[in-house]
ModelCIF file with pLDDT and N, C-alpha, C, O atoms, coordinates in Angstrom:
data_MODEL
#
_entry.id   MODEL 
#
_entity.id                         1 
_entity.type                       polymer 
_entity.pdbx_number_of_molecules   1 
#
_entity_poly.entity_id                      1 
_entity_poly.type                           'polypeptide(L)' 
_entity_poly.nstd_linkage                   no 
_entity_poly.nstd_monomer                   no 
_entity_poly.pdbx_seq_one_letter_code       LDPHDFGIYAVALVVHAIVINVSDLGVGTALVRD 
_entity_poly.pdbx_seq_one_letter_code_can   LDPHDFGIYAVALVVHAIVINVSDLGVGTALVRD 
_entity_poly.pdbx_strand_id                 A 
#
loop_
_entity_poly_seq.entity_id 
_entity_poly_seq.num 
_entity_poly_seq.mon_id 
_entity_poly_seq.hetero 
1 1  LEU n 
1 2  ASP n 
1 3  PRO n 
1 4  HIS n 
1 5  ASP n 
1 6  PHE n 
1 7  GLY n 
1 8  ILE n 
1 9  TYR n 
1 10 ALA n 
1 11 VAL n 
1 12 ALA n 
1 13 LEU n 
1 14 VAL n 
1 15 VAL n 
1 16 HIS n 
1 17 ALA n 
1 18 ILE n 
1 19 VAL n 
1 20 ILE n 
1 21 ASN n 
1 22 VAL n 
1 23 SER n 
1 24 ASP n 
1 25 LEU n 
1 26 GLY n 
1 27 VAL n 
1 28 GLY n 
1 29 THR n 
1 30 ALA n 
1 31 LEU n 
1 32 VAL n 
1 33 ARG n 
1 34 ASP n 
#
_struct_asym.id          A 
_struct_asym.entity_id   1 
#
loop_
_ma_qa_metric.id 
_ma_qa_metric.mode 
_ma_qa_metric.name 
_ma_qa_metric.software_group_id 
_ma_qa_metric.type 
1 global pLDDT . pLDDT 
2 local  pLDDT . pLDDT 
#
_ma_qa_metric_global.metric_id      1 
_ma_qa_metric_global.metric_value   78.50 
_ma_qa_metric_global.model_id       1 
_ma_qa_metric_global.ordinal_id     1 
#
loop_
_ma_qa_metric_local.label_asym_id 
_ma_qa_metric_local.label_comp_id 
_ma_qa_metric_local.label_seq_id 
_ma_qa_metric_local.metric_id 
_ma_qa_metric_local.metric_value 
_ma_qa_metric_local.model_id 
_ma_qa_metric_local.ordinal_id 
A LEU 1  2 74.00 1 1  
A ASP 2  2 71.00 1 2  
A PRO 3  2 65.00 1 3  
A HIS 4  2 71.00 1 4  
A ASP 5  2 76.00 1 5  
A PHE 6  2 68.00 1 6  
A GLY 7  2 68.00 1 7  
A ILE 8  2 78.00 1 8  
A TYR 9  2 76.00 1 9  
A ALA 10 2 71.00 1 10 
A VAL 11 2 73.00 1 11 
A ALA 12 2 79.00 1 12 
A LEU 13 2 77.00 1 13 
A VAL 14 2 74.00 1 14 
A VAL 15 2 80.00 1 15 
A HIS 16 2 81.00 1 16 
A ALA 17 2 79.00 1 17 
A ILE 18 2 78.00 1 18 
A VAL 19 2 83.00 1 19 
A ILE 20 2 81.00 1 20 
A ASN 21 2 76.00 1 21 
A VAL 22 2 78.00 1 22 
A SER 23 2 79.00 1 23 
A ASP 24 2 77.00 1 24 
A LEU 25 2 80.00 1 25 
A GLY 26 2 82.00 1 26 
A VAL 27 2 85.00 1 27 
A GLY 28 2 85.00 1 28 
A THR 29 2 87.00 1 29 
A ALA 30 2 87.00 1 30 
A LEU 31 2 86.00 1 31 
A VAL 32 2 89.00 1 32 
A ARG 33 2 88.00 1 33 
A ASP 34 2 87.00 1 34 
#
loop_
_atom_site.group_PDB 
_atom_site.id 
_atom_site.type_symbol 
_atom_site.label_atom_id 
_atom_site.label_alt_id 
_atom_site.label_comp_id 
_atom_site.label_asym_id 
_atom_site.label_entity_id 
_atom_site.label_seq_id 
_atom_site.pdbx_PDB_ins_code 
_atom_site.Cartn_x 
_atom_site.Cartn_y 
_atom_site.Cartn_z 
_atom_site.occupancy 
_atom_site.B_iso_or_equiv 
_atom_site.pdbx_formal_charge 
_atom_site.auth_seq_id 
_atom_site.auth_comp_id 
_atom_site.auth_asym_id 
_atom_site.auth_atom_id 
_atom_site.pdbx_PDB_model_num 
ATOM 1   N N  . LEU A 1 1  ? 7.690  16.691  13.042  1.00 74.00 ? 1  LEU A N  1 
ATOM 2   C CA . LEU A 1 1  ? 7.002  17.458  12.133  1.00 74.00 ? 1  LEU A CA 1 
ATOM 3   C C  . LEU A 1 1  ? 5.662  17.765  12.566  1.00 74.00 ? 1  LEU A C  1 
ATOM 4   O O  . LEU A 1 1  ? 5.205  17.126  13.514  1.00 74.00 ? 1  LEU A O  1 
ATOM 5   N N  . ASP A 1 2  ? 4.922  18.715  11.966  1.00 71.00 ? 2  ASP A N  1 
ATOM 6   C CA . ASP A 1 2  ? 3.566  19.113  12.490  1.00 71.00 ? 2  ASP A CA 1 
ATOM 7   C C  . ASP A 1 2  ? 2.671  18.432  11.411  1.00 71.00 ? 2  ASP A C  1 
ATOM 8   O O  . ASP A 1 2  ? 3.122  17.986  10.356  1.00 71.00 ? 2  ASP A O  1 
ATOM 9   N N  . PRO A 1 3  ? 1.307  18.392  11.790  1.00 65.00 ? 3  PRO A N  1 
ATOM 10  C CA . PRO A 1 3  ? 0.348  17.722  10.896  1.00 65.00 ? 3  PRO A CA 1 
ATOM 11  C C  . PRO A 1 3  ? 0.221  18.357  9.434   1.00 65.00 ? 3  PRO A C  1 
ATOM 12  O O  . PRO A 1 3  ? -0.052 17.678  8.444   1.00 65.00 ? 3  PRO A O  1 
ATOM 13  N N  . HIS A 1 4  ? 0.449  19.716  9.411   1.00 71.00 ? 4  HIS A N  1 
ATOM 14  C CA . HIS A 1 4  ? 0.463  20.411  8.079   1.00 71.00 ? 4  HIS A CA 1 
ATOM 15  C C  . HIS A 1 4  ? 1.567  19.753  7.201   1.00 71.00 ? 4  HIS A C  1 
ATOM 16  O O  . HIS A 1 4  ? 1.288  19.413  6.051   1.00 71.00 ? 4  HIS A O  1 
ATOM 17  N N  . ASP A 1 5  ? 2.795  19.566  7.705   1.00 76.00 ? 5  ASP A N  1 
ATOM 18  C CA . ASP A 1 5  ? 3.774  18.943  6.989   1.00 76.00 ? 5  ASP A CA 1 
ATOM 19  C C  . ASP A 1 5  ? 3.378  17.531  6.354   1.00 76.00 ? 5  ASP A C  1 
ATOM 20  O O  . ASP A 1 5  ? 3.599  17.203  5.188   1.00 76.00 ? 5  ASP A O  1 
ATOM 21  N N  . PHE A 1 6  ? 2.765  16.769  7.316   1.00 68.00 ? 6  PHE A N  1 
ATOM 22  C CA . PHE A 1 6  ? 2.379  15.394  6.887   1.00 68.00 ? 6  PHE A CA 1 
ATOM 23  C C  . PHE A 1 6  ? 1.266  15.530  5.856   1.00 68.00 ? 6  PHE A C  1 
ATOM 24  O O  . PHE A 1 6  ? 1.196  14.674  4.974   1.00 68.00 ? 6  PHE A O  1 
ATOM 25  N N  . GLY A 1 7  ? 0.423  16.494  5.889   1.00 68.00 ? 7  GLY A N  1 
ATOM 26  C CA . GLY A 1 7  ? -0.666 16.706  4.883   1.00 68.00 ? 7  GLY A CA 1 
ATOM 27  C C  . GLY A 1 7  ? -0.048 17.040  3.517   1.00 68.00 ? 7  GLY A C  1 
ATOM 28  O O  . GLY A 1 7  ? -0.480 16.501  2.499   1.00 68.00 ? 7  GLY A O  1 
ATOM 29  N N  . ILE A 1 8  ? 0.904  17.878  3.491   1.00 78.00 ? 8  ILE A N  1 
ATOM 30  C CA . ILE A 1 8  ? 1.586  18.246  2.268   1.00 78.00 ? 8  ILE A CA 1 
ATOM 31  C C  . ILE A 1 8  ? 2.310  17.049  1.771   1.00 78.00 ? 8  ILE A C  1 
ATOM 32  O O  . ILE A 1 8  ? 2.279  16.881  0.552   1.00 78.00 ? 8  ILE A O  1 
ATOM 33  N N  . TYR A 1 9  ? 2.930  16.223  2.465   1.00 76.00 ? 9  TYR A N  1 
ATOM 34  C CA . TYR A 1 9  ? 3.674  14.947  1.961   1.00 76.00 ? 9  TYR A CA 1 
ATOM 35  C C  . TYR A 1 9  ? 2.603  13.936  1.467   1.00 76.00 ? 9  TYR A C  1 
ATOM 36  O O  . TYR A 1 9  ? 2.804  13.200  0.501   1.00 76.00 ? 9  TYR A O  1 
ATOM 37  N N  . ALA A 1 10 ? 1.351  13.944  2.251   1.00 71.00 ? 10 ALA A N  1 
ATOM 38  C CA . ALA A 1 10 ? 0.307  12.933  1.840   1.00 71.00 ? 10 ALA A CA 1 
ATOM 39  C C  . ALA A 1 10 ? -0.175 13.286  0.445   1.00 71.00 ? 10 ALA A C  1 
ATOM 40  O O  . ALA A 1 10 ? -0.470 12.378  -0.332  1.00 71.00 ? 10 ALA A O  1 
ATOM 41  N N  . VAL A 1 11 ? -0.267 14.536  0.095   1.00 73.00 ? 11 VAL A N  1 
ATOM 42  C CA . VAL A 1 11 ? -0.797 14.818  -1.202  1.00 73.00 ? 11 VAL A CA 1 
ATOM 43  C C  . VAL A 1 11 ? 0.289  14.486  -2.282  1.00 73.00 ? 11 VAL A C  1 
ATOM 44  O O  . VAL A 1 11 ? -0.084 14.105  -3.392  1.00 73.00 ? 11 VAL A O  1 
ATOM 45  N N  . ALA A 1 12 ? 1.589  14.615  -1.999  1.00 79.00 ? 12 ALA A N  1 
ATOM 46  C CA . ALA A 1 12 ? 2.554  14.231  -2.928  1.00 79.00 ? 12 ALA A CA 1 
ATOM 47  C C  . ALA A 1 12 ? 2.557  12.825  -3.060  1.00 79.00 ? 12 ALA A C  1 
ATOM 48  O O  . ALA A 1 12 ? 2.778  12.364  -4.180  1.00 79.00 ? 12 ALA A O  1 
ATOM 49  N N  . LEU A 1 13 ? 2.333  12.001  -2.033  1.00 77.00 ? 13 LEU A N  1 
ATOM 50  C CA . LEU A 1 13 ? 2.371  10.564  -1.936  1.00 77.00 ? 13 LEU A CA 1 
ATOM 51  C C  . LEU A 1 13 ? 1.228  10.064  -2.860  1.00 77.00 ? 13 LEU A C  1 
ATOM 52  O O  . LEU A 1 13 ? 1.416  9.082   -3.578  1.00 77.00 ? 13 LEU A O  1 
ATOM 53  N N  . VAL A 1 14 ? 0.039  10.733  -2.848  1.00 74.00 ? 14 VAL A N  1 
ATOM 54  C CA . VAL A 1 14 ? -1.113 10.264  -3.583  1.00 74.00 ? 14 VAL A CA 1 
ATOM 55  C C  . VAL A 1 14 ? -0.695 10.348  -5.000  1.00 74.00 ? 14 VAL A C  1 
ATOM 56  O O  . VAL A 1 14 ? -0.925 9.393   -5.742  1.00 74.00 ? 14 VAL A O  1 
ATOM 57  N N  . VAL A 1 15 ? -0.063 11.476  -5.467  1.00 80.00 ? 15 VAL A N  1 
ATOM 58  C CA . VAL A 1 15 ? 0.252  11.664  -6.909  1.00 80.00 ? 15 VAL A CA 1 
ATOM 59  C C  . VAL A 1 15 ? 1.326  10.506  -7.298  1.00 80.00 ? 15 VAL A C  1 
ATOM 60  O O  . VAL A 1 15 ? 1.223  9.821   -8.315  1.00 80.00 ? 15 VAL A O  1 
ATOM 61  N N  . HIS A 1 16 ? 2.231  10.404  -6.469  1.00 81.00 ? 16 HIS A N  1 
ATOM 62  C CA . HIS A 1 16 ? 3.245  9.399   -6.729  1.00 81.00 ? 16 HIS A CA 1 
ATOM 63  C C  . HIS A 1 16 ? 2.634  8.015   -6.818  1.00 81.00 ? 16 HIS A C  1 
ATOM 64  O O  . HIS A 1 16 ? 2.985  7.276   -7.738  1.00 81.00 ? 16 HIS A O  1 
ATOM 65  N N  . ALA A 1 17 ? 1.754  7.619   -5.935  1.00 79.00 ? 17 ALA A N  1 
ATOM 66  C CA . ALA A 1 17 ? 1.203  6.287   -5.983  1.00 79.00 ? 17 ALA A CA 1 
ATOM 67  C C  . ALA A 1 17 ? 0.306  6.078   -7.386  1.00 79.00 ? 17 ALA A C  1 
ATOM 68  O O  . ALA A 1 17 ? 0.314  4.990   -7.961  1.00 79.00 ? 17 ALA A O  1 
ATOM 69  N N  . ILE A 1 18 ? -0.332 7.018   -7.797  1.00 78.00 ? 18 ILE A N  1 
ATOM 70  C CA . ILE A 1 18 ? -1.071 6.918   -9.005  1.00 78.00 ? 18 ILE A CA 1 
ATOM 71  C C  . ILE A 1 18 ? -0.073 6.624   -10.208 1.00 78.00 ? 18 ILE A C  1 
ATOM 72  O O  . ILE A 1 18 ? -0.257 5.712   -11.014 1.00 78.00 ? 18 ILE A O  1 
ATOM 73  N N  . VAL A 1 19 ? 1.016  7.508   -10.238 1.00 83.00 ? 19 VAL A N  1 
ATOM 74  C CA . VAL A 1 19 ? 1.840  7.396   -11.418 1.00 83.00 ? 19 VAL A CA 1 
ATOM 75  C C  . VAL A 1 19 ? 2.695  6.180   -11.321 1.00 83.00 ? 19 VAL A C  1 
ATOM 76  O O  . VAL A 1 19 ? 2.999  5.575   -12.349 1.00 83.00 ? 19 VAL A O  1 
ATOM 77  N N  . ILE A 1 20 ? 3.076  5.809   -10.220 1.00 81.00 ? 20 ILE A N  1 
ATOM 78  C CA . ILE A 1 20 ? 3.958  4.554   -10.098 1.00 81.00 ? 20 ILE A CA 1 
ATOM 79  C C  . ILE A 1 20 ? 3.317  3.312   -10.632 1.00 81.00 ? 20 ILE A C  1 
ATOM 80  O O  . ILE A 1 20 ? 3.954  2.380   -11.123 1.00 81.00 ? 20 ILE A O  1 
ATOM 81  N N  . ASN A 1 21 ? 1.938  3.359   -10.499 1.00 76.00 ? 21 ASN A N  1 
ATOM 82  C CA . ASN A 1 21 ? 1.201  2.109   -10.888 1.00 76.00 ? 21 ASN A CA 1 
ATOM 83  C C  . ASN A 1 21 ? 1.233  1.855   -12.432 1.00 76.00 ? 21 ASN A C  1 
ATOM 84  O O  . ASN A 1 21 ? 0.898  0.773   -12.914 1.00 76.00 ? 21 ASN A O  1 
ATOM 85  N N  . VAL A 1 22 ? 1.653  2.909   -13.167 1.00 78.00 ? 22 VAL A N  1 
ATOM 86  C CA . VAL A 1 22 ? 1.765  2.777   -14.646 1.00 78.00 ? 22 VAL A CA 1 
ATOM 87  C C  . VAL A 1 22 ? 3.156  2.888   -15.166 1.00 78.00 ? 22 VAL A C  1 
ATOM 88  O O  . VAL A 1 22 ? 3.369  2.896   -16.379 1.00 78.00 ? 22 VAL A O  1 
ATOM 89  N N  . SER A 1 23 ? 4.110  2.972   -14.281 1.00 79.00 ? 23 SER A N  1 
ATOM 90  C CA . SER A 1 23 ? 5.391  3.510   -14.513 1.00 79.00 ? 23 SER A CA 1 
ATOM 91  C C  . SER A 1 23 ? 6.279  2.452   -15.520 1.00 79.00 ? 23 SER A C  1 
ATOM 92  O O  . SER A 1 23 ? 7.189  2.859   -16.244 1.00 79.00 ? 23 SER A O  1 
ATOM 93  N N  . ASP A 1 24 ? 5.886  1.132   -15.444 1.00 77.00 ? 24 ASP A N  1 
ATOM 94  C CA . ASP A 1 24 ? 6.678  0.155   -16.327 1.00 77.00 ? 24 ASP A CA 1 
ATOM 95  C C  . ASP A 1 24 ? 5.622  -0.487  -17.270 1.00 77.00 ? 24 ASP A C  1 
ATOM 96  O O  . ASP A 1 24 ? 5.973  -1.456  -17.942 1.00 77.00 ? 24 ASP A O  1 
ATOM 97  N N  . LEU A 1 25 ? 4.399  -0.032  -17.361 1.00 80.00 ? 25 LEU A N  1 
ATOM 98  C CA . LEU A 1 25 ? 3.350  -0.590  -18.219 1.00 80.00 ? 25 LEU A CA 1 
ATOM 99  C C  . LEU A 1 25 ? 3.174  -2.024  -17.951 1.00 80.00 ? 25 LEU A C  1 
ATOM 100 O O  . LEU A 1 25 ? 2.703  -2.721  -18.850 1.00 80.00 ? 25 LEU A O  1 
ATOM 101 N N  . GLY A 1 26 ? 3.509  -2.569  -16.782 1.00 82.00 ? 26 GLY A N  1 
ATOM 102 C CA . GLY A 1 26 ? 3.232  -3.952  -16.401 1.00 82.00 ? 26 GLY A CA 1 
ATOM 103 C C  . GLY A 1 26 ? 4.219  -4.939  -17.022 1.00 82.00 ? 26 GLY A C  1 
ATOM 104 O O  . GLY A 1 26 ? 4.103  -6.145  -16.805 1.00 82.00 ? 26 GLY A O  1 
ATOM 105 N N  . VAL A 1 27 ? 5.140  -4.467  -17.753 1.00 85.00 ? 27 VAL A N  1 
ATOM 106 C CA . VAL A 1 27 ? 6.112  -5.438  -18.415 1.00 85.00 ? 27 VAL A CA 1 
ATOM 107 C C  . VAL A 1 27 ? 7.051  -6.202  -17.485 1.00 85.00 ? 27 VAL A C  1 
ATOM 108 O O  . VAL A 1 27 ? 7.511  -7.307  -17.773 1.00 85.00 ? 27 VAL A O  1 
ATOM 109 N N  . GLY A 1 28 ? 7.313  -5.530  -16.324 1.00 85.00 ? 28 GLY A N  1 
ATOM 110 C CA . GLY A 1 28 ? 8.184  -6.175  -15.326 1.00 85.00 ? 28 GLY A CA 1 
ATOM 111 C C  . GLY A 1 28 ? 7.567  -7.455  -14.824 1.00 85.00 ? 28 GLY A C  1 
ATOM 112 O O  . GLY A 1 28 ? 8.292  -8.419  -14.582 1.00 85.00 ? 28 GLY A O  1 
ATOM 113 N N  . THR A 1 29 ? 6.259  -7.509  -14.656 1.00 87.00 ? 29 THR A N  1 
ATOM 114 C CA . THR A 1 29 ? 5.622  -8.673  -14.195 1.00 87.00 ? 29 THR A CA 1 
ATOM 115 C C  . THR A 1 29 ? 5.678  -9.859  -15.177 1.00 87.00 ? 29 THR A C  1 
ATOM 116 O O  . THR A 1 29 ? 5.724  -11.034 -14.812 1.00 87.00 ? 29 THR A O  1 
ATOM 117 N N  . ALA A 1 30 ? 5.670  -9.446  -16.443 1.00 87.00 ? 30 ALA A N  1 
ATOM 118 C CA . ALA A 1 30 ? 5.881  -10.465 -17.484 1.00 87.00 ? 30 ALA A CA 1 
ATOM 119 C C  . ALA A 1 30 ? 7.191  -11.213 -17.262 1.00 87.00 ? 30 ALA A C  1 
ATOM 120 O O  . ALA A 1 30 ? 7.220  -12.430 -17.446 1.00 87.00 ? 30 ALA A O  1 
ATOM 121 N N  . LEU A 1 31 ? 8.253  -10.559 -16.884 1.00 86.00 ? 31 LEU A N  1 
ATOM 122 C CA . LEU A 1 31 ? 9.502  -11.288 -16.592 1.00 86.00 ? 31 LEU A CA 1 
ATOM 123 C C  . LEU A 1 31 ? 9.388  -12.356 -15.510 1.00 86.00 ? 31 LEU A C  1 
ATOM 124 O O  . LEU A 1 31 ? 9.944  -13.451 -15.595 1.00 86.00 ? 31 LEU A O  1 
ATOM 125 N N  . VAL A 1 32 ? 8.647  -11.974 -14.510 1.00 89.00 ? 32 VAL A N  1 
ATOM 126 C CA . VAL A 1 32 ? 8.432  -12.961 -13.424 1.00 89.00 ? 32 VAL A CA 1 
ATOM 127 C C  . VAL A 1 32 ? 7.737  -14.224 -13.872 1.00 89.00 ? 32 VAL A C  1 
ATOM 128 O O  . VAL A 1 32 ? 8.080  -15.336 -13.473 1.00 89.00 ? 32 VAL A O  1 
ATOM 129 N N  . ARG A 1 33 ? 6.709  -14.000 -14.749 1.00 88.00 ? 33 ARG A N  1 
ATOM 130 C CA . ARG A 1 33 ? 5.933  -15.129 -15.318 1.00 88.00 ? 33 ARG A CA 1 
ATOM 131 C C  . ARG A 1 33 ? 6.623  -15.882 -16.369 1.00 88.00 ? 33 ARG A C  1 
ATOM 132 O O  . ARG A 1 33 ? 6.310  -17.062 -16.522 1.00 88.00 ? 33 ARG A O  1 
ATOM 133 N N  . ASP A 1 34 ? 7.526  -15.349 -17.118 1.00 87.00 ? 34 ASP A N  1 
ATOM 134 C CA . ASP A 1 34 ? 8.212  -16.016 -18.339 1.00 87.00 ? 34 ASP A CA 1 
ATOM 135 C C  . ASP A 1 34 ? 9.186  -17.022 -17.870 1.00 87.00 ? 34 ASP A C  1 
ATOM 136 O O  . ASP A 1 34 ? 9.843  -17.671 -18.684 1.00 87.00 ? 34 ASP A O  1 
#
């Protein structure tokens, strides 16, 4: 792939990283602790 393709994917990855941080509202971690 060329750098332009990587740049487009990087933008999508930034959006995904922000959203995935709140995707389960942190309740999955509660199961690990319980």
